[in-house]
N, C-alpha and C. Protein backbone atom coordinates (compact mmCIF):
# COMPACT_ATOMS: atom_id res chain seq x y z
N MET A 1 11.76 -2.15 14.86
CA MET A 1 12.36 -1.03 14.17
C MET A 1 11.69 0.24 14.67
N SER A 2 12.43 1.31 14.72
CA SER A 2 11.87 2.55 15.25
C SER A 2 10.83 3.12 14.28
N PRO A 3 9.80 3.77 14.82
CA PRO A 3 8.79 4.38 13.97
C PRO A 3 9.38 5.39 12.98
N GLU A 4 10.35 6.14 13.45
CA GLU A 4 10.97 7.14 12.58
C GLU A 4 11.64 6.50 11.38
N LYS A 5 12.31 5.36 11.62
CA LYS A 5 13.01 4.64 10.55
C LYS A 5 12.01 4.10 9.52
N LEU A 6 10.91 3.52 9.99
CA LEU A 6 9.89 3.00 9.06
C LEU A 6 9.29 4.10 8.21
N VAL A 7 8.97 5.23 8.83
CA VAL A 7 8.41 6.36 8.10
C VAL A 7 9.42 6.88 7.09
N HIS A 8 10.66 6.98 7.50
CA HIS A 8 11.72 7.45 6.60
C HIS A 8 11.84 6.52 5.39
N MET A 9 11.85 5.23 5.64
CA MET A 9 11.97 4.26 4.55
C MET A 9 10.77 4.34 3.61
N ALA A 10 9.56 4.45 4.15
CA ALA A 10 8.37 4.55 3.31
C ALA A 10 8.42 5.82 2.46
N ASN A 11 8.88 6.91 3.05
CA ASN A 11 9.01 8.16 2.29
C ASN A 11 10.07 8.05 1.20
N GLN A 12 11.15 7.34 1.47
CA GLN A 12 12.17 7.14 0.44
C GLN A 12 11.62 6.36 -0.75
N ILE A 13 10.86 5.32 -0.46
CA ILE A 13 10.25 4.52 -1.53
C ILE A 13 9.29 5.39 -2.34
N ALA A 14 8.48 6.19 -1.65
CA ALA A 14 7.53 7.07 -2.33
C ALA A 14 8.26 8.10 -3.18
N THR A 15 9.38 8.62 -2.70
CA THR A 15 10.16 9.59 -3.46
C THR A 15 10.68 8.96 -4.75
N PHE A 16 11.14 7.73 -4.66
CA PHE A 16 11.61 7.04 -5.87
C PHE A 16 10.48 6.91 -6.88
N PHE A 17 9.34 6.38 -6.45
CA PHE A 17 8.25 6.17 -7.40
C PHE A 17 7.62 7.48 -7.87
N ALA A 18 7.74 8.54 -7.08
CA ALA A 18 7.24 9.85 -7.52
C ALA A 18 8.05 10.37 -8.70
N SER A 19 9.28 9.91 -8.81
CA SER A 19 10.14 10.36 -9.91
C SER A 19 9.83 9.62 -11.20
N GLN A 20 9.01 8.58 -11.12
CA GLN A 20 8.65 7.80 -12.29
C GLN A 20 7.47 8.46 -13.01
N PRO A 21 7.52 8.53 -14.33
CA PRO A 21 6.45 9.21 -15.08
C PRO A 21 5.23 8.31 -15.30
N ARG A 22 4.62 7.88 -14.21
CA ARG A 22 3.46 7.01 -14.32
C ARG A 22 2.38 7.49 -13.38
N GLU A 23 1.16 7.12 -13.68
CA GLU A 23 0.02 7.53 -12.87
C GLU A 23 -0.26 6.57 -11.71
N ASP A 24 0.39 5.41 -11.70
CA ASP A 24 0.11 4.41 -10.68
C ASP A 24 1.15 4.42 -9.56
N GLN A 25 1.64 5.59 -9.21
CA GLN A 25 2.70 5.69 -8.21
C GLN A 25 2.26 5.13 -6.86
N VAL A 26 1.05 5.44 -6.43
CA VAL A 26 0.57 4.95 -5.14
C VAL A 26 0.50 3.43 -5.15
N ALA A 27 -0.03 2.87 -6.21
CA ALA A 27 -0.14 1.41 -6.31
C ALA A 27 1.25 0.76 -6.33
N ARG A 28 2.19 1.41 -6.96
CA ARG A 28 3.54 0.85 -7.03
C ARG A 28 4.24 0.90 -5.67
N VAL A 29 4.02 1.98 -4.91
CA VAL A 29 4.58 2.05 -3.55
C VAL A 29 3.94 0.98 -2.68
N ALA A 30 2.61 0.87 -2.74
CA ALA A 30 1.93 -0.15 -1.94
C ALA A 30 2.40 -1.55 -2.34
N GLY A 31 2.57 -1.77 -3.62
CA GLY A 31 3.06 -3.06 -4.09
C GLY A 31 4.45 -3.36 -3.59
N HIS A 32 5.30 -2.35 -3.58
CA HIS A 32 6.66 -2.54 -3.06
C HIS A 32 6.62 -2.91 -1.58
N LEU A 33 5.79 -2.21 -0.82
CA LEU A 33 5.68 -2.50 0.61
C LEU A 33 5.15 -3.91 0.83
N ARG A 34 4.18 -4.33 0.02
CA ARG A 34 3.64 -5.70 0.14
C ARG A 34 4.69 -6.76 -0.24
N ASP A 35 5.43 -6.48 -1.31
CA ASP A 35 6.35 -7.47 -1.84
C ASP A 35 7.66 -7.60 -1.06
N PHE A 36 8.14 -6.49 -0.51
CA PHE A 36 9.49 -6.49 0.05
C PHE A 36 9.57 -6.22 1.55
N TRP A 37 8.51 -5.75 2.16
CA TRP A 37 8.54 -5.50 3.60
C TRP A 37 7.96 -6.70 4.33
N ASP A 38 8.55 -7.00 5.46
CA ASP A 38 8.03 -8.03 6.34
C ASP A 38 6.63 -7.61 6.80
N PRO A 39 5.70 -8.55 6.92
CA PRO A 39 4.35 -8.20 7.37
C PRO A 39 4.33 -7.44 8.70
N ARG A 40 5.29 -7.74 9.57
CA ARG A 40 5.35 -7.01 10.85
C ARG A 40 5.72 -5.56 10.65
N MET A 41 6.58 -5.29 9.66
CA MET A 41 6.94 -3.90 9.36
C MET A 41 5.73 -3.14 8.82
N ARG A 42 4.98 -3.78 7.92
CA ARG A 42 3.77 -3.14 7.38
C ARG A 42 2.77 -2.88 8.49
N ALA A 43 2.57 -3.86 9.36
CA ALA A 43 1.62 -3.70 10.46
C ALA A 43 2.05 -2.57 11.38
N GLN A 44 3.34 -2.48 11.66
CA GLN A 44 3.83 -1.42 12.53
C GLN A 44 3.62 -0.06 11.88
N LEU A 45 3.88 0.04 10.57
CA LEU A 45 3.68 1.31 9.88
C LEU A 45 2.21 1.71 9.90
N ILE A 46 1.32 0.76 9.69
CA ILE A 46 -0.11 1.05 9.75
C ILE A 46 -0.50 1.53 11.15
N GLU A 47 0.03 0.90 12.18
CA GLU A 47 -0.25 1.32 13.56
C GLU A 47 0.23 2.75 13.80
N ILE A 48 1.40 3.08 13.27
CA ILE A 48 1.96 4.42 13.43
C ILE A 48 1.03 5.44 12.78
N VAL A 49 0.56 5.12 11.59
CA VAL A 49 -0.34 6.03 10.87
C VAL A 49 -1.66 6.17 11.62
N GLU A 50 -2.21 5.05 12.08
CA GLU A 50 -3.49 5.10 12.81
C GLU A 50 -3.37 5.90 14.09
N ALA A 51 -2.20 5.91 14.70
CA ALA A 51 -1.98 6.68 15.93
C ALA A 51 -1.71 8.16 15.64
N GLY A 52 -1.62 8.50 14.35
CA GLY A 52 -1.40 9.90 13.98
C GLY A 52 0.03 10.36 14.19
N ARG A 53 0.97 9.43 14.21
CA ARG A 53 2.36 9.79 14.51
C ARG A 53 3.25 9.79 13.28
N ALA A 54 2.69 9.62 12.10
CA ALA A 54 3.52 9.50 10.90
C ALA A 54 3.53 10.80 10.11
N ASP A 55 4.71 11.18 9.66
CA ASP A 55 4.87 12.34 8.80
C ASP A 55 5.20 11.83 7.40
N LEU A 56 4.20 11.20 6.79
CA LEU A 56 4.40 10.58 5.48
C LEU A 56 4.12 11.57 4.36
N SER A 57 4.80 11.37 3.25
CA SER A 57 4.51 12.14 2.05
C SER A 57 3.11 11.74 1.58
N PRO A 58 2.48 12.56 0.74
CA PRO A 58 1.14 12.21 0.25
C PRO A 58 1.09 10.85 -0.45
N ILE A 59 2.09 10.54 -1.26
CA ILE A 59 2.10 9.25 -1.96
C ILE A 59 2.25 8.11 -0.97
N ALA A 60 3.15 8.24 -0.01
CA ALA A 60 3.34 7.18 0.99
C ALA A 60 2.08 7.01 1.84
N ALA A 61 1.45 8.11 2.22
CA ALA A 61 0.23 8.03 3.03
C ALA A 61 -0.88 7.33 2.26
N ALA A 62 -1.02 7.63 0.97
CA ALA A 62 -2.04 6.97 0.15
C ALA A 62 -1.73 5.49 0.00
N ALA A 63 -0.45 5.14 -0.11
CA ALA A 63 -0.06 3.74 -0.23
C ALA A 63 -0.40 2.98 1.05
N VAL A 64 -0.15 3.59 2.19
CA VAL A 64 -0.47 2.94 3.47
C VAL A 64 -1.98 2.76 3.59
N ALA A 65 -2.75 3.74 3.13
CA ALA A 65 -4.21 3.61 3.15
C ALA A 65 -4.63 2.41 2.30
N THR A 66 -3.94 2.19 1.19
CA THR A 66 -4.21 1.04 0.34
C THR A 66 -3.90 -0.25 1.08
N LEU A 67 -2.82 -0.26 1.84
CA LEU A 67 -2.44 -1.45 2.60
C LEU A 67 -3.47 -1.77 3.68
N ARG A 68 -4.12 -0.74 4.19
CA ARG A 68 -5.09 -0.93 5.26
C ARG A 68 -6.37 -1.58 4.75
N ALA A 69 -6.66 -1.43 3.45
CA ALA A 69 -7.87 -2.01 2.87
C ALA A 69 -7.72 -3.53 2.82
N PRO A 70 -8.78 -4.26 3.11
CA PRO A 70 -8.67 -5.72 3.04
C PRO A 70 -8.40 -6.18 1.61
N GLU A 71 -7.53 -7.15 1.49
CA GLU A 71 -7.21 -7.69 0.17
C GLU A 71 -8.19 -8.81 -0.16
N PRO A 72 -8.64 -8.88 -1.42
CA PRO A 72 -9.54 -9.98 -1.79
C PRO A 72 -8.81 -11.32 -1.69
N ALA A 73 -9.57 -12.35 -1.40
CA ALA A 73 -8.98 -13.68 -1.32
C ALA A 73 -8.43 -14.07 -2.68
N GLU A 74 -7.33 -14.78 -2.68
CA GLU A 74 -6.71 -15.19 -3.93
C GLU A 74 -7.66 -16.08 -4.71
N GLY A 75 -7.85 -15.75 -5.98
CA GLY A 75 -8.73 -16.53 -6.84
C GLY A 75 -10.19 -16.13 -6.76
N ALA A 76 -10.52 -15.21 -5.85
CA ALA A 76 -11.90 -14.77 -5.73
C ALA A 76 -12.26 -13.86 -6.89
N VAL A 77 -13.49 -13.96 -7.35
CA VAL A 77 -13.98 -13.11 -8.42
C VAL A 77 -15.04 -12.22 -7.84
N GLY A 78 -14.80 -10.89 -7.94
CA GLY A 78 -15.77 -9.93 -7.44
C GLY A 78 -16.94 -9.82 -8.39
N ALA A 79 -18.02 -9.19 -7.94
CA ALA A 79 -19.22 -9.07 -8.76
C ALA A 79 -18.94 -8.34 -10.06
N GLY A 80 -18.12 -7.27 -9.99
CA GLY A 80 -17.80 -6.53 -11.20
C GLY A 80 -16.97 -7.35 -12.17
N GLU A 81 -16.15 -8.22 -11.66
CA GLU A 81 -15.31 -9.05 -12.52
C GLU A 81 -16.09 -10.19 -13.13
N ALA A 82 -17.13 -10.66 -12.45
CA ALA A 82 -17.88 -11.80 -12.95
C ALA A 82 -18.55 -11.46 -14.28
N GLY A 83 -19.13 -10.26 -14.37
CA GLY A 83 -19.77 -9.86 -15.62
C GLY A 83 -18.77 -9.78 -16.75
N ALA A 84 -17.59 -9.26 -16.46
CA ALA A 84 -16.56 -9.14 -17.49
C ALA A 84 -16.06 -10.50 -17.93
N ALA A 85 -16.11 -11.48 -17.03
CA ALA A 85 -15.63 -12.82 -17.36
C ALA A 85 -16.74 -13.66 -18.00
N GLY A 86 -17.94 -13.10 -18.10
CA GLY A 86 -19.04 -13.83 -18.69
C GLY A 86 -19.68 -14.83 -17.76
N LEU A 87 -19.47 -14.68 -16.47
CA LEU A 87 -20.05 -15.59 -15.49
C LEU A 87 -21.36 -15.03 -14.97
N GLU A 88 -22.27 -15.91 -14.67
CA GLU A 88 -23.53 -15.49 -14.08
C GLU A 88 -23.75 -16.24 -12.79
N TYR A 89 -24.45 -15.61 -11.87
CA TYR A 89 -24.73 -16.25 -10.57
C TYR A 89 -26.14 -16.74 -10.53
């Protein structure tokens, strides 16, 4: 898919969620991209951003930055979560 098309689509998603009266707009855009975009599309969008070729809205850019962060392994409990769950190491 062309870089322009991917950027346009990401901006459209961000525009939709920007219209929602919630504070988690970036997380919702990132979640939409994770849930509904093919992994190759996400990877291509990240490459476009890393190359400095994307004209993303602030919400879309923040969502892509979220996608770039490594995701914790499923079922893993982080140190901060362990205390809340009452677990000790």
